[in-house]
Amino acid sequence: MTGFDRIEVAGFNLHWGYGGDGVPFDVTAACAALGADVIALQEVWTPSGRPSIAARAAEELGYGIRELPLTRLADIDGFRVVEREQEATGSWGLALLTRFPVTGYRVLDLGRAAGDTVRRAAQSAVLELPSGGTLHVVNTHLTHRLHAGPRQLRRLVRGLGPLSGAVVMGDLNMTGPVAAALARRRRAVTGRTWPAGRPVAQLDHILVPRGYEIAGGEVLPGLGSDHRPVRAALLPRAQ
């Protein structure tokens, strides 16, 4: 990339590496098919004592990775949450894959919604671009509890700060117009993403602040998960 960077970003809910029918899929091949510089992954499964499905993909494809386990599970199929590490067979969480160096990173706690089994959080990373500029990206997976999702997104925006130029990506579990309004950002992608076989709603989003031109955005065909991935091309605006 020369001059202003063209940045390809993507978001994908991995559903632990299984389709809605319970059939496992090749997570590394799916990430390769996204062809993005930055990939925000949700529902990442990490077996106890072994690398996560995202870490294996990152190593094989040459990405750097930042991971955020959110809860311990004793049973991946039944999603049985446990507190004690000795009872867990693995963990569930977020991962951010990037081809750019990470110069800043923090975790934003978004709380636990009433009736939700896991706490929610966001990964916030500042990346160094080849041109010398930076890209601020956020990866999150909000609760499916309708009363609490908007509250978590507002909390995320407050945590980022009023002048934040962060691109927000992830499974937000809400419609695009609502997500864009609450996040005070534009939608880079419009189209249904869930369930992957016959989608009826868009739950997965890439929300873009001022400072970027949206050079393209799309919902990709299903790659094995119960969600379809989203991808967008962004161009920093000249200052």
C-alpha atoms as a PDB file:
ATOM      1  CA  MET A   1       0.000   0.000   0.000  1.00  0.00           C
ATOM      2  CA  THR A   2       1.265   3.458  -0.865  1.00  0.00           C
ATOM      3  CA  GLY A   3      -0.035   6.901  -0.003  1.00  0.00           C
ATOM      4  CA  PHE A   4      -3.338   6.383   1.784  1.00  0.00           C
ATOM      5  CA  ASP A   5      -3.869   2.820   2.893  1.00  0.00           C
ATOM      6  CA  ARG A   6      -6.732   0.764   1.579  1.00  0.00           C
ATOM      7  CA  ILE A   7      -7.699  -1.392   4.526  1.00  0.00           C
ATOM      8  CA  GLU A   8      -9.677  -4.613   4.306  1.00  0.00           C
ATOM      9  CA  VAL A   9     -11.508  -5.540   7.503  1.00  0.00           C
ATOM     10  CA  ALA A  10     -13.816  -8.462   8.246  1.00  0.00           C
ATOM     11  CA  GLY A  11     -15.973  -9.805  11.056  1.00  0.00           C
ATOM     12  CA  PHE A  12     -17.012 -13.407  11.610  1.00  0.00           C
ATOM     13  CA  ASN A  13     -18.858 -15.235  14.381  1.00  0.00           C
ATOM     14  CA  LEU A  14     -17.169 -18.667  14.374  1.00  0.00           C
ATOM     15  CA  HIS A  15     -19.801 -20.488  16.468  1.00  0.00           C
ATOM     16  CA  TRP A  16     -16.940 -22.487  18.068  1.00  0.00           C
ATOM     17  CA  GLY A  17     -15.949 -23.806  14.633  1.00  0.00           C
ATOM     18  CA  TYR A  18     -19.253 -25.609  14.036  1.00  0.00           C
ATOM     19  CA  GLY A  19     -22.167 -24.967  11.729  1.00  0.00           C
ATOM     20  CA  GLY A  20     -25.730 -24.679  12.915  1.00  0.00           C
ATOM     21  CA  ASP A  21     -26.106 -28.357  12.059  1.00  0.00           C
ATOM     22  CA  GLY A  22     -23.253 -29.324  14.386  1.00  0.00           C
ATOM     23  CA  VAL A  23     -20.816 -30.109  11.577  1.00  0.00           C
ATOM     24  CA  PRO A  24     -17.278 -28.726  12.146  1.00  0.00           C
ATOM     25  CA  PHE A  25     -15.677 -26.545   9.485  1.00  0.00           C
ATOM     26  CA  ASP A  26     -12.131 -25.504   8.615  1.00  0.00           C
ATOM     27  CA  VAL A  27     -11.629 -22.214  10.479  1.00  0.00           C
ATOM     28  CA  THR A  28      -8.231 -21.581   8.892  1.00  0.00           C
ATOM     29  CA  ALA A  29      -9.649 -21.969   5.392  1.00  0.00           C
ATOM     30  CA  ALA A  30     -12.548 -19.691   6.308  1.00  0.00           C
ATOM     31  CA  CYS A  31     -10.212 -16.954   7.575  1.00  0.00           C
ATOM     32  CA  ALA A  32      -8.093 -17.306   4.437  1.00  0.00           C
ATOM     33  CA  ALA A  33     -11.215 -16.876   2.309  1.00  0.00           C
ATOM     34  CA  LEU A  34     -11.970 -13.570   4.028  1.00  0.00           C
ATOM     35  CA  GLY A  35      -8.745 -12.139   2.610  1.00  0.00           C
ATOM     36  CA  ALA A  36      -8.734  -9.231   5.071  1.00  0.00           C
ATOM     37  CA  ASP A  37      -5.954  -7.298   6.785  1.00  0.00           C
ATOM     38  CA  VAL A  38      -7.871  -7.351  10.059  1.00  0.00           C
ATOM     39  CA  ILE A  39     -10.369 -10.027  11.139  1.00  0.00           C
ATOM     40  CA  ALA A  40     -12.604  -9.676  14.199  1.00  0.00           C
ATOM     41  CA  LEU A  41     -13.705 -13.103  15.429  1.00  0.00           C
ATOM     42  CA  GLN A  42     -16.386 -13.969  17.961  1.00  0.00           C
ATOM     43  CA  GLU A  43     -17.362 -17.240  19.681  1.00  0.00           C
ATOM     44  CA  VAL A  44     -13.791 -18.496  19.568  1.00  0.00           C
ATOM     45  CA  TRP A  45     -13.271 -21.915  21.168  1.00  0.00           C
ATOM     46  CA  THR A  46     -10.048 -22.655  23.033  1.00  0.00           C
ATOM     47  CA  PRO A  47      -9.637 -26.276  24.217  1.00  0.00           C
ATOM     48  CA  SER A  48      -7.941 -26.539  27.604  1.00  0.00           C
ATOM     49  CA  GLY A  49      -4.179 -26.794  27.220  1.00  0.00           C
ATOM     50  CA  ARG A  50      -4.242 -26.266  23.451  1.00  0.00           C
ATOM     51  CA  PRO A  51      -4.287 -23.298  21.050  1.00  0.00           C
ATOM     52  CA  SER A  52      -7.621 -21.787  20.113  1.00  0.00           C
ATOM     53  CA  ILE A  53      -9.175 -22.308  16.697  1.00  0.00           C
ATOM     54  CA  ALA A  54      -8.293 -18.658  15.982  1.00  0.00           C
ATOM     55  CA  ALA A  55      -4.670 -19.038  17.100  1.00  0.00           C
ATOM     56  CA  ARG A  56      -4.175 -21.997  14.780  1.00  0.00           C
ATOM     57  CA  ALA A  57      -5.556 -19.960  11.883  1.00  0.00           C
ATOM     58  CA  ALA A  58      -3.366 -16.972  12.751  1.00  0.00           C
ATOM     59  CA  GLU A  59      -0.214 -19.094  12.849  1.00  0.00           C
ATOM     60  CA  GLU A  60      -0.912 -20.812   9.549  1.00  0.00           C
ATOM     61  CA  LEU A  61      -1.905 -17.604   7.754  1.00  0.00           C
ATOM     62  CA  GLY A  62       0.739 -15.284   9.197  1.00  0.00           C
ATOM     63  CA  TYR A  63      -1.467 -13.005  11.311  1.00  0.00           C
ATOM     64  CA  GLY A  64      -0.684 -11.504  14.661  1.00  0.00           C
ATOM     65  CA  ILE A  65      -3.374 -12.242  17.226  1.00  0.00           C
ATOM     66  CA  ARG A  66      -4.861 -10.825  20.403  1.00  0.00           C
ATOM     67  CA  GLU A  67      -7.250 -13.124  22.269  1.00  0.00           C
ATOM     68  CA  LEU A  68      -9.785 -12.507  25.007  1.00  0.00           C
ATOM     69  CA  PRO A  69     -11.307 -15.556  26.741  1.00  0.00           C
ATOM     70  CA  LEU A  70     -14.634 -14.588  28.297  1.00  0.00           C
ATOM     71  CA  THR A  71     -15.884 -17.683  30.074  1.00  0.00           C
ATOM     72  CA  ARG A  72     -14.913 -21.251  30.979  1.00  0.00           C
ATOM     73  CA  LEU A  73     -17.032 -24.053  29.611  1.00  0.00           C
ATOM     74  CA  ALA A  74     -17.342 -27.640  30.758  1.00  0.00           C
ATOM     75  CA  ASP A  75     -19.422 -28.705  27.767  1.00  0.00           C
ATOM     76  CA  ILE A  76     -19.105 -27.020  24.385  1.00  0.00           C
ATOM     77  CA  ASP A  77     -22.291 -28.640  23.077  1.00  0.00           C
ATOM     78  CA  GLY A  78     -24.450 -27.666  26.015  1.00  0.00           C
ATOM     79  CA  PHE A  79     -22.604 -24.403  26.684  1.00  0.00           C
ATOM     80  CA  ARG A  80     -22.311 -25.244  30.390  1.00  0.00           C
ATOM     81  CA  VAL A  81     -20.472 -22.409  32.118  1.00  0.00           C
ATOM     82  CA  VAL A  82     -18.234 -23.236  35.081  1.00  0.00           C
ATOM     83  CA  GLU A  83     -16.237 -21.070  37.460  1.00  0.00           C
ATOM     84  CA  ARG A  84     -13.456 -23.483  38.372  1.00  0.00           C
ATOM     85  CA  GLU A  85     -10.696 -24.050  35.841  1.00  0.00           C
ATOM     86  CA  GLN A  86     -10.422 -27.700  36.879  1.00  0.00           C
ATOM     87  CA  GLU A  87     -13.960 -28.351  35.646  1.00  0.00           C
ATOM     88  CA  ALA A  88     -13.504 -26.654  32.276  1.00  0.00           C
ATOM     89  CA  THR A  89     -12.720 -28.339  28.977  1.00  0.00           C
ATOM     90  CA  GLY A  90     -12.064 -24.994  27.311  1.00  0.00           C
ATOM     91  CA  SER A  91     -13.041 -21.358  27.016  1.00  0.00           C
ATOM     92  CA  TRP A  92     -15.168 -19.140  24.765  1.00  0.00           C
ATOM     93  CA  GLY A  93     -14.315 -15.610  23.711  1.00  0.00           C
ATOM     94  CA  LEU A  94     -12.994 -13.115  21.168  1.00  0.00           C
ATOM     95  CA  ALA A  95      -9.946 -12.904  18.924  1.00  0.00           C
ATOM     96  CA  LEU A  96      -8.526 -10.172  16.730  1.00  0.00           C
ATOM     97  CA  LEU A  97      -6.295 -11.197  13.827  1.00  0.00           C
ATOM     98  CA  THR A  98      -4.182  -8.483  12.223  1.00  0.00           C
ATOM     99  CA  ARG A  99      -1.452  -8.126   9.624  1.00  0.00           C
ATOM    100  CA  PHE A 100      -0.467  -4.786  11.178  1.00  0.00           C
ATOM    101  CA  PRO A 101       1.602  -4.206  14.345  1.00  0.00           C
ATOM    102  CA  VAL A 102      -0.443  -3.537  17.487  1.00  0.00           C
ATOM    103  CA  THR A 103       0.722  -0.337  19.196  1.00  0.00           C
ATOM    104  CA  GLY A 104      -2.072  -0.079  21.755  1.00  0.00           C
ATOM    105  CA  TYR A 105      -4.487  -2.559  23.268  1.00  0.00           C
ATOM    106  CA  ARG A 106      -7.075  -2.589  26.039  1.00  0.00           C
ATOM    107  CA  VAL A 107     -10.184  -4.471  27.090  1.00  0.00           C
ATOM    108  CA  LEU A 108     -13.478  -2.711  27.778  1.00  0.00           C
ATOM    109  CA  ASP A 109     -15.778  -4.478  30.229  1.00  0.00           C
ATOM    110  CA  LEU A 110     -19.410  -4.272  29.122  1.00  0.00           C
ATOM    111  CA  GLY A 111     -20.962  -6.150  32.033  1.00  0.00           C
ATOM    112  CA  ARG A 112     -23.256  -9.139  32.289  1.00  0.00           C
ATOM    113  CA  ALA A 113     -26.896  -8.808  31.261  1.00  0.00           C
ATOM    114  CA  ALA A 114     -29.613 -10.249  33.472  1.00  0.00           C
ATOM    115  CA  GLY A 115     -30.236 -13.804  32.303  1.00  0.00           C
ATOM    116  CA  ASP A 116     -27.009 -13.980  30.284  1.00  0.00           C
ATOM    117  CA  THR A 117     -24.542 -16.720  31.185  1.00  0.00           C
ATOM    118  CA  VAL A 118     -21.381 -14.818  30.236  1.00  0.00           C
ATOM    119  CA  ARG A 119     -19.889 -11.410  30.762  1.00  0.00           C
ATOM    120  CA  ARG A 120     -19.463  -9.257  27.683  1.00  0.00           C
ATOM    121  CA  ALA A 121     -16.419  -7.226  26.722  1.00  0.00           C
ATOM    122  CA  ALA A 122     -14.696  -5.588  23.772  1.00  0.00           C
ATOM    123  CA  GLN A 123     -11.173  -5.664  22.406  1.00  0.00           C
ATOM    124  CA  SER A 124      -9.851  -2.223  21.473  1.00  0.00           C
ATOM    125  CA  ALA A 125      -6.628  -2.129  19.431  1.00  0.00           C
ATOM    126  CA  VAL A 126      -4.604   0.575  17.723  1.00  0.00           C
ATOM    127  CA  LEU A 127      -2.760  -0.720  14.658  1.00  0.00           C
ATOM    128  CA  GLU A 128       0.186   0.799  12.784  1.00  0.00           C
ATOM    129  CA  LEU A 129      -0.436   1.041   9.024  1.00  0.00           C
ATOM    130  CA  PRO A 130       2.243   0.753   6.342  1.00  0.00           C
ATOM    131  CA  SER A 131       1.868   4.439   5.441  1.00  0.00           C
ATOM    132  CA  GLY A 132       2.663   5.451   9.013  1.00  0.00           C
ATOM    133  CA  GLY A 133      -0.931   6.149   9.996  1.00  0.00           C
ATOM    134  CA  THR A 134      -2.992   4.213  12.509  1.00  0.00           C
ATOM    135  CA  LEU A 135      -6.210   2.230  12.517  1.00  0.00           C
ATOM    136  CA  HIS A 136      -8.294   1.881  15.682  1.00  0.00           C
ATOM    137  CA  VAL A 137     -10.491  -1.225  15.670  1.00  0.00           C
ATOM    138  CA  VAL A 138     -12.892  -2.716  18.188  1.00  0.00           C
ATOM    139  CA  ASN A 139     -14.120  -6.318  18.309  1.00  0.00           C
ATOM    140  CA  THR A 140     -17.115  -7.272  20.431  1.00  0.00           C
ATOM    141  CA  HIS A 141     -20.000  -9.699  20.859  1.00  0.00           C
ATOM    142  CA  LEU A 142     -22.975  -8.179  22.644  1.00  0.00           C
ATOM    143  CA  THR A 143     -25.652 -10.033  24.549  1.00  0.00           C
ATOM    144  CA  HIS A 144     -28.650 -11.505  22.772  1.00  0.00           C
ATOM    145  CA  ARG A 145     -30.875 -10.177  25.573  1.00  0.00           C
ATOM    146  CA  LEU A 146     -32.840  -7.475  23.784  1.00  0.00           C
ATOM    147  CA  HIS A 147     -33.209  -5.255  26.850  1.00  0.00           C
ATOM    148  CA  ALA A 148     -29.455  -5.137  27.501  1.00  0.00           C
ATOM    149  CA  GLY A 149     -27.716  -5.096  24.104  1.00  0.00           C
ATOM    150  CA  PRO A 150     -28.303  -1.375  23.471  1.00  0.00           C
ATOM    151  CA  ARG A 151     -27.087  -0.601  26.997  1.00  0.00           C
ATOM    152  CA  GLN A 152     -23.864  -2.501  26.338  1.00  0.00           C
ATOM    153  CA  LEU A 153     -23.289  -0.698  23.049  1.00  0.00           C
ATOM    154  CA  ARG A 154     -23.787   2.679  24.720  1.00  0.00           C
ATOM    155  CA  ARG A 155     -21.325   1.630  27.394  1.00  0.00           C
ATOM    156  CA  LEU A 156     -18.838   0.660  24.704  1.00  0.00           C
ATOM    157  CA  VAL A 157     -19.137   4.028  22.962  1.00  0.00           C
ATOM    158  CA  ARG A 158     -18.697   5.871  26.259  1.00  0.00           C
ATOM    159  CA  GLY A 159     -15.627   3.778  27.033  1.00  0.00           C
ATOM    160  CA  LEU A 160     -14.081   4.641  23.679  1.00  0.00           C
ATOM    161  CA  GLY A 161     -14.574   8.355  24.238  1.00  0.00           C
ATOM    162  CA  PRO A 162     -16.457  11.038  22.275  1.00  0.00           C
ATOM    163  CA  LEU A 163     -13.615  11.683  19.820  1.00  0.00           C
ATOM    164  CA  SER A 164     -12.787   8.061  19.131  1.00  0.00           C
ATOM    165  CA  GLY A 165     -12.187   7.141  15.505  1.00  0.00           C
ATOM    166  CA  ALA A 166     -12.596   3.415  16.149  1.00  0.00           C
ATOM    167  CA  VAL A 167     -14.120   1.043  13.620  1.00  0.00           C
ATOM    168  CA  VAL A 168     -16.526  -1.159  15.590  1.00  0.00           C
ATOM    169  CA  MET A 169     -16.969  -4.748  14.403  1.00  0.00           C
ATOM    170  CA  GLY A 170     -18.700  -7.827  15.678  1.00  0.00           C
ATOM    171  CA  ASP A 171     -21.892  -9.706  16.394  1.00  0.00           C
ATOM    172  CA  LEU A 172     -23.947  -6.935  17.970  1.00  0.00           C
ATOM    173  CA  ASN A 173     -27.185  -8.938  18.163  1.00  0.00           C
ATOM    174  CA  MET A 174     -29.226  -5.995  16.897  1.00  0.00           C
ATOM    175  CA  THR A 175     -30.344  -4.526  13.596  1.00  0.00           C
ATOM    176  CA  GLY A 176     -28.155  -2.231  11.554  1.00  0.00           C
ATOM    177  CA  PRO A 177     -30.115   1.025  11.933  1.00  0.00           C
ATOM    178  CA  VAL A 178     -30.257   0.630  15.711  1.00  0.00           C
ATOM    179  CA  ALA A 179     -26.565  -0.292  15.973  1.00  0.00           C
ATOM    180  CA  ALA A 180     -25.462   2.611  13.766  1.00  0.00           C
ATOM    181  CA  ALA A 181     -27.541   5.134  15.701  1.00  0.00           C
ATOM    182  CA  LEU A 182     -26.305   3.979  19.106  1.00  0.00           C
ATOM    183  CA  ALA A 183     -22.676   3.738  17.965  1.00  0.00           C
ATOM    184  CA  ARG A 184     -22.845   7.083  16.112  1.00  0.00           C
ATOM    185  CA  ARG A 185     -21.249   5.487  13.072  1.00  0.00           C
ATOM    186  CA  ARG A 186     -22.109   4.494   9.501  1.00  0.00           C
ATOM    187  CA  ARG A 187     -22.810   0.967   8.338  1.00  0.00           C
ATOM    188  CA  ALA A 188     -20.169  -0.360   5.963  1.00  0.00           C
ATOM    189  CA  VAL A 189     -22.184  -3.506   5.252  1.00  0.00           C
ATOM    190  CA  THR A 190     -25.898  -4.059   4.784  1.00  0.00           C
ATOM    191  CA  GLY A 191     -27.378  -7.503   4.289  1.00  0.00           C
ATOM    192  CA  ARG A 192     -28.675 -10.448   6.284  1.00  0.00           C
ATOM    193  CA  THR A 193     -26.119 -12.556   8.127  1.00  0.00           C
ATOM    194  CA  TRP A 194     -28.034 -14.972  10.371  1.00  0.00           C
ATOM    195  CA  PRO A 195     -28.774 -17.844  10.214  1.00  0.00           C
ATOM    196  CA  ALA A 196     -26.243 -18.601   7.508  1.00  0.00           C
ATOM    197  CA  GLY A 197     -28.319 -21.116   5.541  1.00  0.00           C
ATOM    198  CA  ARG A 198     -31.306 -18.831   5.090  1.00  0.00           C
ATOM    199  CA  PRO A 199     -30.574 -15.493   6.772  1.00  0.00           C
ATOM    200  CA  VAL A 200     -33.432 -13.387   8.068  1.00  0.00           C
ATOM    201  CA  ALA A 201     -31.559 -10.662   9.988  1.00  0.00           C
ATOM    202  CA  GLN A 202     -28.281  -8.778  10.063  1.00  0.00           C
ATOM    203  CA  LEU A 203     -26.648  -9.234  13.458  1.00  0.00           C
ATOM    204  CA  ASP A 204     -23.031  -8.834  12.326  1.00  0.00           C
ATOM    205  CA  HIS A 205     -21.771  -5.344  11.588  1.00  0.00           C
ATOM    206  CA  ILE A 206     -18.872  -3.104  10.612  1.00  0.00           C
ATOM    207  CA  LEU A 207     -19.550   0.424  11.858  1.00  0.00           C
ATOM    208  CA  VAL A 208     -17.319   3.199  10.558  1.00  0.00           C
ATOM    209  CA  PRO A 209     -16.670   6.654  12.075  1.00  0.00           C
ATOM    210  CA  ARG A 210     -15.724   9.881  10.371  1.00  0.00           C
ATOM    211  CA  GLY A 211     -12.282   9.840   8.858  1.00  0.00           C
ATOM    212  CA  TYR A 212     -12.839   6.898   6.518  1.00  0.00           C
ATOM    213  CA  GLU A 213     -14.389   6.452   3.106  1.00  0.00           C
ATOM    214  CA  ILE A 214     -16.228   3.165   2.695  1.00  0.00           C
ATOM    215  CA  ALA A 215     -14.810   1.734  -0.542  1.00  0.00           C
ATOM    216  CA  GLY A 216     -16.990  -1.377  -0.457  1.00  0.00           C
ATOM    217  CA  GLY A 217     -18.869  -3.671   1.881  1.00  0.00           C
ATOM    218  CA  GLU A 218     -20.543  -7.043   1.587  1.00  0.00           C
ATOM    219  CA  VAL A 219     -22.008 -10.048   3.329  1.00  0.00           C
ATOM    220  CA  LEU A 220     -20.043 -13.062   2.149  1.00  0.00           C
ATOM    221  CA  PRO A 221     -21.482 -16.517   1.463  1.00  0.00           C
ATOM    222  CA  GLY A 222     -21.538 -18.914   4.388  1.00  0.00           C
ATOM    223  CA  LEU A 223     -18.160 -20.377   5.317  1.00  0.00           C
ATOM    224  CA  GLY A 224     -19.332 -23.063   7.730  1.00  0.00           C
ATOM    225  CA  SER A 225     -20.581 -21.150  10.781  1.00  0.00           C
ATOM    226  CA  ASP A 226     -24.207 -20.388  11.618  1.00  0.00           C
ATOM    227  CA  HIS A 227     -23.397 -16.740  10.798  1.00  0.00           C
ATOM    228  CA  ARG A 228     -22.249 -15.320   7.486  1.00  0.00           C
ATOM    229  CA  PRO A 229     -19.122 -13.136   7.611  1.00  0.00           C
ATOM    230  CA  VAL A 230     -19.013  -9.449   6.710  1.00  0.00           C
ATOM    231  CA  ARG A 231     -16.186  -7.626   4.958  1.00  0.00           C
ATOM    232  CA  ALA A 232     -15.468  -4.006   4.037  1.00  0.00           C
ATOM    233  CA  ALA A 233     -12.778  -1.904   2.371  1.00  0.00           C
ATOM    234  CA  LEU A 234     -11.935   1.403   4.026  1.00  0.00           C
ATOM    235  CA  LEU A 235      -9.900   4.383   2.854  1.00  0.00           C
ATOM    236  CA  PRO A 236      -8.651   7.017   5.313  1.00  0.00           C
ATOM    237  CA  ARG A 237      -9.788  10.461   4.226  1.00  0.00           C
ATOM    238  CA  ALA A 238      -7.187  13.105   3.528  1.00  0.00           C
ATOM    239  CA  GLN A 239      -6.794  15.500   6.449  1.00  0.00           C
END
